Amino acid sequence: MSETTRSEVEALRHRVQELEIQLHQARKMASLGELLSTTTHEFNNVLMTIVNYAKLGMRQQDPASREKAFSKILSAGQRASKITSSILGMARNRGDSFEPTDLASLIDDALVLLEREMNKYRVAIDRQLADVPEALACGNQIQQVLLNLLINARQAMPDGGTLVIRLSYDTAADMIDLMIRDTGCGIPADKLPRIFDAYYSTKDGPDESGKGGTGLGLSACREIIEAYRGRIRVDSAVGKGTAFTIKLPVAKKKAAANVPPPTLGIPTDARGPQGRV
């Protein structure tokens, strides 16, 4: 290989690394935008409830009506507190290192943010959360995966249905299994092999909630899970629904909290000045 050719190859490799970094930054921003959109919508609903019942209480003179208005305001305030707690929980998981992670808590936080949306579309939540060990993972990235899969499952059931979230411990493999199963439309067999491909999407566009598909979601999910030496698989049948199963390694008692984060396919020398992508 000539010196000129070697230089050209090196320049192309460096350009590919730059593009990979930009792609991962775009994924992070897309995930943050989705979270902000969901959170803002939830808070707006809570505030509207508080404002409307406050006005109603001010107009009513009889004690029973005012008591009902105060009760609704209290309930909405408590929901706002739950949303805030969930957001703070997610903020505490913004680190980029492998740490023992309580998956049940991450599931609870995600469902708090999506509770009203699930109710609006008549999606019943069936929690089957066994007492399992902590997983060795980055809570921030696992939350991205959870929100993506939960929103996808809701969108697969436009006429309502049941969303099963199951957490169990595979003792033989020493892995934690997280399954998210919907009773929606399912994925055609000819499309199933491609759903983890970058930029491929089975969605036609945003639904009435404003959420659509870019094709980045499931591709990013698989990349994140595999970076933890985990696995993700999908089973689906048209008209019956889809199930995603994630397997994550168990956090050992002496696992270091400062283990470097997964590079998600980006070489170490191509990462940012703080070691982040």
Protein backbone atom coordinates (compact mmCIF):
# COMPACT_ATOMS: atom_id res chain seq x y z
CA MET A 1 0.00 0.00 0.00
CA SER A 2 1.47 3.36 -1.05
CA GLU A 3 1.91 6.22 1.38
CA THR A 4 -0.80 8.22 -0.42
CA THR A 5 -3.31 5.35 -0.25
CA ARG A 6 -2.51 4.76 3.42
CA SER A 7 -3.09 8.44 4.13
CA GLU A 8 -6.43 8.41 2.29
CA VAL A 9 -7.58 5.31 4.20
CA GLU A 10 -6.59 6.91 7.50
CA ALA A 11 -8.49 10.09 6.59
CA LEU A 12 -11.60 8.06 5.72
CA ARG A 13 -11.35 6.09 8.97
CA HIS A 14 -11.08 9.34 10.94
CA ARG A 15 -14.11 10.75 9.09
CA VAL A 16 -16.15 7.64 9.87
CA GLN A 17 -15.25 7.98 13.55
CA GLU A 18 -16.39 11.62 13.52
CA LEU A 19 -19.69 10.66 11.89
CA GLU A 20 -20.24 7.90 14.48
CA ILE A 21 -19.72 10.43 17.28
CA GLN A 22 -22.20 12.81 15.65
CA LEU A 23 -24.74 9.99 15.26
CA HIS A 24 -24.51 9.06 18.95
CA GLN A 25 -24.88 12.70 19.97
CA ALA A 26 -27.97 12.93 17.74
CA ARG A 27 -29.40 9.83 19.43
CA LYS A 28 -28.86 11.38 22.86
CA MET A 29 -30.57 14.62 21.81
CA ALA A 30 -33.49 12.70 20.28
CA SER A 31 -33.92 10.74 23.51
CA LEU A 32 -33.74 13.92 25.59
CA GLY A 33 -36.27 15.61 23.32
CA GLU A 34 -38.67 12.67 23.68
CA LEU A 35 -38.33 12.79 27.47
CA LEU A 36 -38.85 16.57 27.60
CA SER A 37 -41.90 16.30 25.34
CA THR A 38 -43.47 13.61 27.51
CA THR A 39 -42.66 15.41 30.77
CA THR A 40 -43.93 18.79 29.55
CA HIS A 41 -47.18 17.21 28.36
CA GLU A 42 -47.71 15.48 31.70
CA PHE A 43 -47.05 18.65 33.69
CA ASN A 44 -49.36 20.65 31.47
CA ASN A 45 -52.19 18.18 32.16
CA VAL A 46 -51.57 18.40 35.91
CA LEU A 47 -51.51 22.21 35.88
CA MET A 48 -54.73 22.38 33.87
CA THR A 49 -56.42 20.14 36.43
CA ILE A 50 -55.23 22.32 39.32
CA VAL A 51 -56.26 25.56 37.60
CA ASN A 52 -59.70 24.29 36.55
CA TYR A 53 -60.62 22.89 39.96
CA ALA A 54 -59.27 26.00 41.70
CA LYS A 55 -61.62 28.12 39.56
CA LEU A 56 -64.48 25.71 40.29
CA GLY A 57 -63.81 25.86 44.02
CA MET A 58 -63.77 29.64 43.98
CA ARG A 59 -67.18 29.75 42.24
CA GLN A 60 -68.87 27.22 44.52
CA GLN A 61 -70.24 28.24 47.89
CA ASP A 62 -71.46 24.94 49.33
CA PRO A 63 -68.90 23.00 51.41
CA ALA A 64 -69.38 19.70 49.52
CA SER A 65 -68.46 21.20 46.13
CA ARG A 66 -65.49 23.06 47.54
CA GLU A 67 -64.32 19.92 49.32
CA LYS A 68 -64.46 18.00 46.03
CA ALA A 69 -62.48 20.73 44.26
CA PHE A 70 -59.81 20.74 46.99
CA SER A 71 -59.60 16.94 46.78
CA LYS A 72 -58.96 17.08 43.02
CA ILE A 73 -56.33 19.77 43.50
CA LEU A 74 -54.62 17.68 46.16
CA SER A 75 -54.64 14.61 43.90
CA ALA A 76 -53.16 16.59 41.00
CA GLY A 77 -50.49 18.03 43.28
CA GLN A 78 -49.54 14.56 44.46
CA ARG A 79 -49.24 13.42 40.85
CA ALA A 80 -47.01 16.41 40.09
CA SER A 81 -44.83 15.34 43.03
CA LYS A 82 -44.57 11.80 41.60
CA ILE A 83 -43.55 13.18 38.20
CA THR A 84 -40.92 15.41 39.82
CA SER A 85 -39.55 12.48 41.82
CA SER A 86 -39.30 10.40 38.65
CA ILE A 87 -37.47 13.15 36.80
CA LEU A 88 -35.07 13.60 39.72
CA GLY A 89 -34.51 9.84 39.71
CA MET A 90 -33.63 9.99 36.03
CA ALA A 91 -31.34 12.97 36.65
CA ARG A 92 -29.43 10.92 39.23
CA ASN A 93 -28.86 8.31 36.54
CA ARG A 94 -27.20 10.72 34.09
CA GLY A 95 -23.76 9.22 34.73
CA ASP A 96 -22.00 7.26 32.04
CA SER A 97 -20.42 4.49 34.11
CA PHE A 98 -21.41 0.89 34.77
CA GLU A 99 -23.09 0.70 38.17
CA PRO A 100 -25.38 -1.69 40.06
CA THR A 101 -28.79 -0.65 38.72
CA ASP A 102 -32.25 -1.30 40.17
CA LEU A 103 -34.30 -2.10 37.08
CA ALA A 104 -37.63 -2.10 38.96
CA SER A 105 -37.07 1.54 39.99
CA LEU A 106 -36.27 2.50 36.40
CA ILE A 107 -39.48 0.82 35.25
CA ASP A 108 -41.53 2.66 37.89
CA ASP A 109 -40.04 6.04 36.91
CA ALA A 110 -40.75 5.45 33.21
CA LEU A 111 -44.34 4.39 33.86
CA VAL A 112 -45.04 7.47 35.98
CA LEU A 113 -44.18 9.67 33.00
CA LEU A 114 -46.26 7.56 30.61
CA GLU A 115 -49.19 6.83 32.94
CA ARG A 116 -51.60 9.40 31.52
CA GLU A 117 -50.66 8.51 27.94
CA MET A 118 -51.29 4.82 28.61
CA ASN A 119 -54.66 5.64 30.19
CA LYS A 120 -55.63 7.88 27.28
CA TYR A 121 -55.09 5.06 24.79
CA ARG A 122 -56.74 2.48 27.09
CA VAL A 123 -53.58 0.47 27.64
CA ALA A 124 -53.67 -1.63 30.82
CA ILE A 125 -50.32 -2.21 32.55
CA ASP A 126 -49.61 -5.69 33.91
CA ARG A 127 -46.52 -5.52 36.14
CA GLN A 128 -44.86 -8.83 36.86
CA LEU A 129 -41.76 -7.61 38.67
CA ALA A 130 -39.98 -10.34 40.60
CA ASP A 131 -37.38 -9.54 43.25
CA VAL A 132 -34.19 -9.70 41.18
CA PRO A 133 -30.54 -8.73 41.74
CA GLU A 134 -29.27 -5.41 40.48
CA ALA A 135 -27.99 -5.28 36.92
CA LEU A 136 -24.58 -3.97 35.94
CA ALA A 137 -25.51 -1.19 33.54
CA CYS A 138 -25.74 2.55 32.94
CA GLY A 139 -29.12 3.63 34.30
CA ASN A 140 -29.30 6.60 31.92
CA GLN A 141 -29.03 4.44 28.82
CA ILE A 142 -31.33 1.71 30.11
CA GLN A 143 -33.99 4.39 30.72
CA GLN A 144 -33.67 5.41 27.06
CA VAL A 145 -34.23 1.81 26.03
CA LEU A 146 -37.23 1.45 28.36
CA LEU A 147 -38.96 4.62 27.18
CA ASN A 148 -38.40 3.66 23.55
CA LEU A 149 -39.85 0.16 23.97
CA LEU A 150 -42.78 1.33 26.12
CA ILE A 151 -43.78 4.05 23.64
CA ASN A 152 -43.43 1.60 20.74
CA ALA A 153 -45.67 -0.87 22.57
CA ARG A 154 -48.31 1.81 23.20
CA GLN A 155 -48.26 2.83 19.54
CA ALA A 156 -48.75 -0.79 18.51
CA MET A 157 -52.10 -0.77 20.37
CA PRO A 158 -54.04 2.23 18.96
CA ASP A 159 -57.33 0.67 20.07
CA GLY A 160 -56.09 -0.28 23.53
CA GLY A 161 -54.75 -3.51 24.93
CA THR A 162 -52.49 -4.91 27.63
CA LEU A 163 -48.83 -4.13 28.19
CA VAL A 164 -46.99 -6.77 30.20
CA ILE A 165 -43.70 -5.82 31.89
CA ARG A 166 -41.95 -8.82 33.39
CA LEU A 167 -38.74 -8.84 35.40
CA SER A 168 -37.17 -12.19 36.29
CA TYR A 169 -33.82 -13.76 37.16
CA ASP A 170 -32.26 -16.44 34.96
CA THR A 171 -30.22 -18.31 37.54
CA ALA A 172 -28.60 -20.66 35.02
CA ALA A 173 -27.20 -17.82 32.92
CA ASP A 174 -26.84 -15.41 35.88
CA MET A 175 -28.70 -12.80 33.84
CA ILE A 176 -31.70 -10.58 34.49
CA ASP A 177 -34.55 -10.86 31.98
CA LEU A 178 -36.69 -7.81 31.23
CA MET A 179 -39.62 -8.49 28.92
CA ILE A 180 -41.99 -5.92 27.42
CA ARG A 181 -44.93 -7.51 25.61
CA ASP A 182 -47.91 -5.85 23.96
CA THR A 183 -51.14 -7.25 22.53
CA GLY A 184 -50.98 -5.03 19.48
CA CYS A 185 -50.85 -5.41 15.74
CA GLY A 186 -47.61 -7.39 15.62
CA ILE A 187 -44.80 -7.18 13.06
CA PRO A 188 -45.04 -8.96 9.68
CA ALA A 189 -42.56 -11.80 9.23
CA ASP A 190 -40.90 -10.14 6.23
CA LYS A 191 -40.14 -7.00 8.28
CA LEU A 192 -39.04 -8.70 11.49
CA PRO A 193 -35.41 -9.40 10.41
CA ARG A 194 -34.82 -5.69 9.69
CA ILE A 195 -36.30 -3.96 12.73
CA PHE A 196 -32.89 -3.51 14.38
CA ASP A 197 -31.36 -1.95 11.25
CA ALA A 198 -30.44 1.73 11.49
CA TYR A 199 -32.96 4.08 9.85
CA TYR A 200 -35.46 1.28 9.26
CA SER A 201 -38.94 1.87 10.67
CA THR A 202 -42.27 0.09 10.43
CA LYS A 203 -44.10 3.35 11.27
CA ASP A 204 -45.63 5.54 8.58
CA GLY A 205 -45.17 8.75 10.57
CA PRO A 206 -46.11 10.53 13.81
CA ASP A 207 -49.37 9.43 15.42
CA GLU A 208 -51.91 11.81 16.94
CA SER A 209 -49.69 12.19 20.02
CA GLY A 210 -46.96 13.61 17.78
CA LYS A 211 -44.68 10.61 18.23
CA GLY A 212 -43.35 8.82 15.21
CA GLY A 213 -40.37 6.72 14.24
CA THR A 214 -36.98 7.68 12.86
CA GLY A 215 -35.69 4.14 12.62
CA LEU A 216 -32.96 5.01 15.14
CA GLY A 217 -34.75 3.72 18.23
CA LEU A 218 -34.44 -0.06 18.05
CA SER A 219 -31.02 0.11 16.42
CA ALA A 220 -29.78 2.23 19.33
CA CYS A 221 -31.48 -0.09 21.84
CA ARG A 222 -29.65 -3.14 20.50
CA GLU A 223 -26.34 -1.29 20.43
CA ILE A 224 -26.74 -0.19 24.05
CA ILE A 225 -27.75 -3.64 25.30
CA GLU A 226 -24.97 -5.45 23.43
CA ALA A 227 -22.42 -2.97 24.78
CA TYR A 228 -23.25 -4.35 28.25
CA ARG A 229 -22.63 -7.89 26.99
CA GLY A 230 -26.37 -8.31 27.10
CA ARG A 231 -28.81 -9.51 24.45
CA ILE A 232 -32.12 -8.36 23.04
CA ARG A 233 -34.52 -10.46 21.02
CA VAL A 234 -37.97 -9.98 19.56
CA ASP A 235 -40.88 -12.37 19.07
CA SER A 236 -43.94 -11.22 17.17
CA ALA A 237 -47.07 -12.49 15.46
CA VAL A 238 -49.38 -10.38 13.34
CA GLY A 239 -52.64 -9.70 15.16
CA LYS A 240 -51.34 -11.10 18.46
CA GLY A 241 -48.61 -8.74 19.56
CA THR A 242 -44.88 -8.32 20.07
CA ALA A 243 -42.51 -9.17 22.90
CA PHE A 244 -39.03 -7.74 23.40
CA THR A 245 -36.80 -9.59 25.87
CA ILE A 246 -33.63 -7.99 27.22
CA LYS A 247 -31.00 -9.99 29.09
CA LEU A 248 -28.54 -8.04 31.25
CA PRO A 249 -25.65 -9.29 33.39
CA VAL A 250 -25.99 -9.28 37.16
CA ALA A 251 -23.89 -6.75 39.09
CA LYS A 252 -21.40 -8.57 41.26
CA LYS A 253 -20.97 -7.40 44.84
CA LYS A 254 -17.41 -6.21 44.20
CA ALA A 255 -18.12 -4.66 40.82
CA ALA A 256 -16.36 -1.31 40.51
CA ALA A 257 -18.61 1.72 40.16
CA ASN A 258 -16.05 3.46 37.94
CA VAL A 259 -15.97 0.91 35.15
CA PRO A 260 -15.78 2.89 31.88
CA PRO A 261 -19.04 3.20 29.95
CA PRO A 262 -19.59 1.25 26.74
CA THR A 263 -18.26 3.06 23.69
CA LEU A 264 -21.13 1.74 21.53
CA GLY A 265 -18.88 0.82 18.64
CA ILE A 266 -16.70 3.96 18.78
CA PRO A 267 -12.96 3.44 19.21
CA THR A 268 -11.53 4.80 22.48
CA ASP A 269 -9.33 7.34 20.74
CA ALA A 270 -12.35 8.80 18.96
CA ARG A 271 -14.28 9.69 22.11
CA GLY A 272 -14.72 13.17 23.52
CA PRO A 273 -12.37 15.01 25.93
CA GLN A 274 -14.26 13.68 28.96
CA GLY A 275 -14.32 10.15 27.60
CA ARG A 276 -17.98 10.48 26.53
CA VAL A 277 -19.59 9.98 23.19
